[in-house]
Amino acid sequence: MNAEELRTLQAPLKERYRADADAALITLRAEGRLGEGLRCKIETGKGLVQAGLHPSAGGNPENACSGDMLLEALVACAGVTLGAVATALGISLRDAVVSAEGDLDVRGTLGVVKDVPVGFRSIRLKFALDSDASGEQLATLLRLTERYCVIFQTLTHPPEIHLESHRKS
């Protein structure tokens, strides 16, 4: 896909959303069902994923870890956004590798030490780019990728999250 094809694809969507802001509001959903052996089965639309405890918390390494899945979602979103922005800017990328690393202290999630936070302490998102673009062009590419990456923005500016519970009938 080139920049013109991307603009052609997105132009009617942008026009619609400018004219009708409500049309731009979407709700994404994810659902899982508890399974045996401390696992949660998640239907991804691309197949079934079984998430479980990380081995450092007593889990089976054959199951997906939700922390890994969060980093994978960040990498996927950043990669897709990087590609779209590069296309829109006319920046040619011969190769691009996006990776994420996250640090956490499992004592928090295991309740070993009460004042150790639960969750990632830090996340590093890295881009290895092979391109003839100038340093300034690459800086713009990364700045816009950061700006338009939904997962990155959600992690850096957390939304309100409401926890609800109801009895299943």
Protein backbone atom coordinates (compact mmCIF):
# COMPACT_ATOMS: atom_id res chain seq x y z
CA MET A 1 0.00 0.00 0.00
CA ASN A 2 1.26 3.46 -0.80
CA ALA A 3 0.36 6.85 0.69
CA GLU A 4 -2.27 7.61 -1.96
CA GLU A 5 -3.99 4.24 -1.47
CA LEU A 6 -4.02 4.79 2.30
CA ARG A 7 -5.49 8.28 1.90
CA THR A 8 -8.12 6.94 -0.52
CA LEU A 9 -9.03 4.19 1.93
CA GLN A 10 -9.26 6.50 4.94
CA ALA A 11 -10.71 9.67 3.33
CA PRO A 12 -14.38 8.61 3.38
CA LEU A 13 -14.01 7.40 6.96
CA LYS A 14 -12.45 10.67 8.09
CA GLU A 15 -15.14 12.64 6.27
CA ARG A 16 -17.89 10.58 7.90
CA TYR A 17 -16.38 11.02 11.37
CA ARG A 18 -15.98 14.78 10.90
CA ALA A 19 -19.65 15.02 9.91
CA ASP A 20 -20.92 12.61 12.57
CA ALA A 21 -18.77 12.34 15.68
CA ASP A 22 -21.01 9.59 17.08
CA ALA A 23 -20.14 7.37 14.11
CA ALA A 24 -16.53 7.36 15.30
CA LEU A 25 -17.40 5.90 18.69
CA ILE A 26 -16.82 2.16 18.76
CA THR A 27 -16.70 -0.41 21.54
CA LEU A 28 -14.13 -3.19 21.40
CA ARG A 29 -14.76 -6.30 23.45
CA ALA A 30 -12.78 -9.19 24.82
CA GLU A 31 -14.14 -12.17 26.67
CA GLY A 32 -12.68 -15.16 28.42
CA ARG A 33 -13.98 -18.20 30.23
CA LEU A 34 -12.26 -19.78 33.21
CA GLY A 35 -10.85 -23.20 32.46
CA GLU A 36 -9.17 -25.96 34.40
CA GLY A 37 -5.75 -25.51 35.92
CA LEU A 38 -5.92 -21.76 36.60
CA ARG A 39 -6.43 -20.90 32.95
CA CYS A 40 -8.71 -18.48 31.16
CA LYS A 41 -9.72 -19.26 27.58
CA ILE A 42 -9.89 -16.17 25.40
CA GLU A 43 -11.50 -16.18 21.97
CA THR A 44 -9.44 -13.76 19.93
CA GLY A 45 -11.28 -13.93 16.65
CA LYS A 46 -8.15 -15.56 15.31
CA GLY A 47 -8.35 -18.62 17.50
CA LEU A 48 -8.50 -19.65 21.11
CA VAL A 49 -5.81 -18.49 23.52
CA GLN A 50 -5.42 -20.05 26.93
CA ALA A 51 -4.00 -17.60 29.42
CA GLY A 52 -2.57 -18.74 32.70
CA LEU A 53 -0.27 -17.71 35.47
CA HIS A 54 3.27 -16.83 34.48
CA PRO A 55 5.74 -19.58 35.49
CA SER A 56 7.27 -17.17 38.05
CA ALA A 57 3.86 -17.21 39.78
CA GLY A 58 3.44 -20.98 39.55
CA GLY A 59 1.98 -21.23 36.05
CA ASN A 60 2.54 -23.57 33.16
CA PRO A 61 4.84 -22.14 30.48
CA GLU A 62 2.58 -23.61 27.77
CA ASN A 63 -0.14 -21.07 28.62
CA ALA A 64 -0.07 -17.48 27.47
CA CYS A 65 0.73 -14.97 30.19
CA SER A 66 -1.46 -11.87 30.27
CA GLY A 67 1.61 -9.69 30.84
CA ASP A 68 3.16 -11.08 27.66
CA MET A 69 -0.16 -10.52 25.88
CA LEU A 70 -0.18 -6.87 26.97
CA LEU A 71 3.33 -6.38 25.57
CA GLU A 72 2.35 -8.26 22.41
CA ALA A 73 -0.68 -5.96 21.98
CA LEU A 74 1.60 -2.93 22.41
CA VAL A 75 4.08 -4.26 19.83
CA ALA A 76 1.30 -5.14 17.38
CA CYS A 77 -0.37 -1.74 17.70
CA ALA A 78 2.91 0.17 17.49
CA GLY A 79 4.00 -1.88 14.48
CA VAL A 80 0.76 -1.34 12.58
CA THR A 81 0.77 2.36 13.48
CA LEU A 82 4.42 2.72 12.45
CA GLY A 83 3.64 1.15 9.08
CA ALA A 84 0.61 3.36 8.50
CA VAL A 85 2.45 6.54 9.49
CA ALA A 86 5.48 5.62 7.36
CA THR A 87 3.17 5.02 4.42
CA ALA A 88 1.34 8.32 4.96
CA LEU A 89 4.65 10.22 5.18
CA GLY A 90 6.17 8.41 2.21
CA ILE A 91 8.98 6.98 4.33
CA SER A 92 10.32 3.72 2.97
CA LEU A 93 11.23 1.11 5.56
CA ARG A 94 13.31 -1.81 4.31
CA ASP A 95 12.87 -3.47 7.68
CA ALA A 96 11.38 -2.57 11.03
CA VAL A 97 11.46 -4.57 14.23
CA VAL A 98 9.31 -3.46 17.15
CA SER A 99 9.93 -4.96 20.57
CA ALA A 100 8.73 -4.34 24.10
CA GLU A 101 10.15 -5.28 27.45
CA GLY A 102 8.42 -4.85 30.76
CA ASP A 103 9.77 -5.08 34.30
CA LEU A 104 7.66 -6.23 37.21
CA ASP A 105 8.23 -7.59 40.68
CA VAL A 106 6.12 -10.72 41.14
CA ARG A 107 6.22 -10.31 44.92
CA GLY A 108 3.43 -7.77 44.45
CA THR A 109 1.05 -10.02 42.54
CA LEU A 110 1.79 -12.96 44.84
CA GLY A 111 1.15 -10.84 47.93
CA VAL A 112 4.59 -11.67 49.33
CA VAL A 113 5.36 -8.04 50.19
CA LYS A 114 2.33 -5.78 50.65
CA ASP A 115 4.01 -2.52 49.62
CA VAL A 116 5.40 -3.90 46.33
CA PRO A 117 3.17 -2.63 43.50
CA VAL A 118 1.28 -5.09 41.34
CA GLY A 119 1.95 -4.65 37.64
CA PHE A 120 4.68 -3.40 35.38
CA ARG A 121 7.14 -0.93 36.88
CA SER A 122 8.40 0.12 33.47
CA ILE A 123 7.93 -0.79 29.83
CA ARG A 124 10.43 -0.12 27.08
CA LEU A 125 9.16 0.04 23.50
CA LYS A 126 11.98 -0.22 20.96
CA PHE A 127 12.15 0.29 17.22
CA ALA A 128 14.97 -1.01 15.02
CA LEU A 129 14.51 0.65 11.64
CA ASP A 130 16.32 0.10 8.36
CA SER A 131 15.59 3.13 6.19
CA ASP A 132 17.25 5.81 4.09
CA ALA A 133 15.07 8.41 5.81
CA SER A 134 16.83 11.29 7.52
CA GLY A 135 17.15 11.48 11.29
CA GLU A 136 14.52 14.22 11.30
CA GLN A 137 12.10 12.09 9.26
CA LEU A 138 12.59 9.12 11.59
CA ALA A 139 12.06 11.34 14.63
CA THR A 140 8.78 12.54 13.10
CA LEU A 141 7.82 8.95 12.29
CA LEU A 142 8.36 7.85 15.90
CA ARG A 143 6.65 10.93 17.35
CA LEU A 144 3.54 10.32 15.22
CA THR A 145 3.62 6.58 15.91
CA GLU A 146 3.61 7.36 19.63
CA ARG A 147 0.79 9.87 19.16
CA TYR A 148 -1.50 7.58 17.16
CA CYS A 149 -0.78 4.17 18.75
CA VAL A 150 -3.95 3.30 20.70
CA ILE A 151 -2.28 0.87 23.11
CA PHE A 152 0.67 3.19 23.80
CA GLN A 153 -1.66 6.10 24.52
CA THR A 154 -3.91 3.92 26.70
CA LEU A 155 -0.95 2.79 28.78
CA THR A 156 0.51 6.28 29.14
CA HIS A 157 -2.86 7.97 29.77
CA PRO A 158 -4.94 5.32 31.54
CA PRO A 159 -8.70 5.57 31.08
CA GLU A 160 -11.19 5.20 33.87
CA ILE A 161 -11.84 1.51 34.39
CA HIS A 162 -15.00 0.33 36.09
CA LEU A 163 -15.17 -3.08 37.69
CA GLU A 164 -18.59 -4.70 37.60
CA SER A 165 -19.88 -8.00 38.82
CA HIS A 166 -23.15 -9.83 38.43
CA ARG A 167 -24.46 -13.29 39.15
CA LYS A 168 -24.77 -15.50 36.15
CA SER A 169 -28.26 -16.94 35.80
